[in-house]
Amino acid sequence: MKVLSCRDVGVNCDYQARSKTVGEVIRKATDHAKKDHHIEKVTKEYLDSWRKKVHDV
């Protein structure tokens, strides 16, 4: 299982995106960032940095 939490990227939030694939984790994290953190545009820089933080649990 792959996971990325908001705390992994320096945000004070308990959300964790979990899935079997990195791509799905990133999709879930993107949806969460837009909905709950009001990030209108998730940039390539965000995505690249998030991919590096995805880890196995």
N, C-alpha and C. Protein backbone atom coordinates (compact mmCIF):
# COMPACT_ATOMS: atom_id res chain seq x y z
N MET A 1 0.85 -1.17 0.00
CA MET A 1 0.00 0.00 0.00
C MET A 1 0.89 1.24 0.00
N LYS A 2 0.55 2.20 -0.85
CA LYS A 2 1.26 3.47 -0.95
C LYS A 2 0.47 4.52 -0.16
N VAL A 3 1.20 5.48 0.43
CA VAL A 3 0.54 6.52 1.22
C VAL A 3 1.28 7.84 1.09
N LEU A 4 0.50 8.92 1.15
CA LEU A 4 1.03 10.27 1.21
C LEU A 4 0.11 11.04 2.14
N SER A 5 0.69 11.64 3.18
CA SER A 5 -0.13 12.43 4.10
C SER A 5 0.18 13.91 3.89
N CYS A 6 -0.75 14.74 4.31
CA CYS A 6 -0.51 16.18 4.25
C CYS A 6 0.72 16.53 5.08
N ARG A 7 0.88 15.87 6.21
CA ARG A 7 2.03 16.15 7.08
C ARG A 7 3.35 15.82 6.38
N ASP A 8 3.33 14.84 5.47
CA ASP A 8 4.54 14.51 4.71
C ASP A 8 5.03 15.68 3.87
N VAL A 9 4.10 16.55 3.48
CA VAL A 9 4.47 17.69 2.64
C VAL A 9 4.39 19.01 3.40
N GLY A 10 4.38 18.93 4.74
CA GLY A 10 4.48 20.12 5.57
C GLY A 10 3.19 20.84 5.88
N VAL A 11 2.05 20.16 5.69
CA VAL A 11 0.75 20.78 5.98
C VAL A 11 0.19 20.17 7.26
N ASN A 12 -0.29 21.01 8.16
CA ASN A 12 -0.84 20.57 9.44
C ASN A 12 -2.27 20.04 9.24
N CYS A 13 -2.35 18.80 8.78
CA CYS A 13 -3.63 18.16 8.45
C CYS A 13 -3.43 16.65 8.58
N ASP A 14 -4.44 15.94 9.07
CA ASP A 14 -4.32 14.50 9.30
C ASP A 14 -4.67 13.64 8.09
N TYR A 15 -5.02 14.25 6.96
CA TYR A 15 -5.43 13.49 5.78
C TYR A 15 -4.29 12.62 5.27
N GLN A 16 -4.66 11.40 4.84
CA GLN A 16 -3.72 10.48 4.18
C GLN A 16 -4.38 9.93 2.93
N ALA A 17 -3.68 10.06 1.80
CA ALA A 17 -4.13 9.43 0.56
C ALA A 17 -3.48 8.06 0.51
N ARG A 18 -4.28 7.01 0.31
CA ARG A 18 -3.78 5.64 0.29
C ARG A 18 -4.30 4.91 -0.94
N SER A 19 -3.43 4.12 -1.54
CA SER A 19 -3.83 3.30 -2.68
C SER A 19 -2.72 2.31 -3.00
N LYS A 20 -3.00 1.43 -3.92
CA LYS A 20 -1.98 0.46 -4.36
C LYS A 20 -0.99 1.08 -5.33
N THR A 21 -1.38 2.21 -5.97
CA THR A 21 -0.51 2.83 -6.96
C THR A 21 -0.18 4.27 -6.60
N VAL A 22 1.00 4.70 -7.00
CA VAL A 22 1.41 6.09 -6.77
C VAL A 22 0.47 7.04 -7.50
N GLY A 23 0.09 6.70 -8.73
CA GLY A 23 -0.80 7.55 -9.50
C GLY A 23 -2.12 7.82 -8.81
N GLU A 24 -2.70 6.80 -8.22
CA GLU A 24 -3.97 6.95 -7.52
C GLU A 24 -3.78 7.76 -6.24
N VAL A 25 -2.68 7.57 -5.54
CA VAL A 25 -2.38 8.37 -4.35
C VAL A 25 -2.30 9.85 -4.73
N ILE A 26 -1.61 10.14 -5.81
CA ILE A 26 -1.47 11.53 -6.26
C ILE A 26 -2.82 12.11 -6.66
N ARG A 27 -3.66 11.32 -7.34
CA ARG A 27 -5.00 11.79 -7.71
C ARG A 27 -5.82 12.13 -6.47
N LYS A 28 -5.79 11.26 -5.48
CA LYS A 28 -6.54 11.50 -4.24
C LYS A 28 -6.00 12.73 -3.51
N ALA A 29 -4.69 12.86 -3.46
CA ALA A 29 -4.07 14.01 -2.80
C ALA A 29 -4.44 15.32 -3.52
N THR A 30 -4.46 15.27 -4.84
CA THR A 30 -4.83 16.44 -5.63
C THR A 30 -6.28 16.85 -5.34
N ASP A 31 -7.17 15.88 -5.34
CA ASP A 31 -8.58 16.16 -5.04
C ASP A 31 -8.72 16.78 -3.65
N HIS A 32 -8.02 16.22 -2.68
CA HIS A 32 -8.07 16.73 -1.31
C HIS A 32 -7.52 18.15 -1.23
N ALA A 33 -6.39 18.40 -1.88
CA ALA A 33 -5.78 19.74 -1.84
C ALA A 33 -6.72 20.79 -2.41
N LYS A 34 -7.40 20.45 -3.49
CA LYS A 34 -8.34 21.39 -4.11
C LYS A 34 -9.55 21.63 -3.22
N LYS A 35 -10.11 20.55 -2.70
CA LYS A 35 -11.35 20.64 -1.93
C LYS A 35 -11.13 21.22 -0.54
N ASP A 36 -10.15 20.71 0.18
CA ASP A 36 -10.02 21.04 1.59
C ASP A 36 -8.97 22.11 1.90
N HIS A 37 -8.04 22.31 0.98
CA HIS A 37 -7.01 23.33 1.20
C HIS A 37 -7.12 24.49 0.21
N HIS A 38 -8.16 24.44 -0.62
CA HIS A 38 -8.49 25.52 -1.55
C HIS A 38 -7.33 25.89 -2.48
N ILE A 39 -6.58 24.87 -2.89
CA ILE A 39 -5.53 25.07 -3.89
C ILE A 39 -6.21 24.95 -5.25
N GLU A 40 -6.29 26.06 -5.95
CA GLU A 40 -7.01 26.08 -7.22
C GLU A 40 -6.28 25.32 -8.31
N LYS A 41 -4.96 25.46 -8.37
CA LYS A 41 -4.18 24.80 -9.41
C LYS A 41 -3.03 24.04 -8.76
N VAL A 42 -3.03 22.75 -8.96
CA VAL A 42 -1.94 21.92 -8.46
C VAL A 42 -0.87 21.90 -9.55
N THR A 43 0.23 22.54 -9.28
CA THR A 43 1.28 22.72 -10.28
C THR A 43 2.13 21.46 -10.44
N LYS A 44 2.87 21.43 -11.52
CA LYS A 44 3.81 20.34 -11.76
C LYS A 44 4.81 20.24 -10.62
N GLU A 45 5.22 21.38 -10.07
CA GLU A 45 6.16 21.38 -8.95
C GLU A 45 5.57 20.69 -7.73
N TYR A 46 4.28 20.97 -7.44
CA TYR A 46 3.60 20.25 -6.35
C TYR A 46 3.63 18.75 -6.62
N LEU A 47 3.18 18.37 -7.80
CA LEU A 47 3.08 16.95 -8.13
C LEU A 47 4.43 16.25 -8.03
N ASP A 48 5.47 16.88 -8.55
CA ASP A 48 6.81 16.28 -8.48
C ASP A 48 7.26 16.10 -7.04
N SER A 49 7.03 17.10 -6.21
CA SER A 49 7.46 17.00 -4.82
C SER A 49 6.63 15.97 -4.07
N TRP A 50 5.33 15.89 -4.36
CA TRP A 50 4.48 14.91 -3.71
C TRP A 50 4.89 13.49 -4.08
N ARG A 51 5.18 13.24 -5.36
CA ARG A 51 5.59 11.90 -5.80
C ARG A 51 6.80 11.41 -5.01
N LYS A 52 7.72 12.32 -4.73
CA LYS A 52 8.94 11.95 -3.99
C LYS A 52 8.64 11.56 -2.55
N LYS A 53 7.50 12.01 -2.01
CA LYS A 53 7.15 11.76 -0.62
C LYS A 53 6.25 10.53 -0.43
N VAL A 54 5.72 9.99 -1.51
CA VAL A 54 4.88 8.79 -1.41
C VAL A 54 5.74 7.64 -0.90
N HIS A 55 5.21 6.91 0.08
CA HIS A 55 5.97 5.80 0.65
C HIS A 55 5.07 4.60 0.90
N ASP A 56 5.71 3.47 1.13
CA ASP A 56 4.99 2.21 1.40
C ASP A 56 4.66 2.10 2.89
N VAL A 57 3.51 1.49 3.16
CA VAL A 57 3.12 1.17 4.54
C VAL A 57 2.74 -0.28 4.64
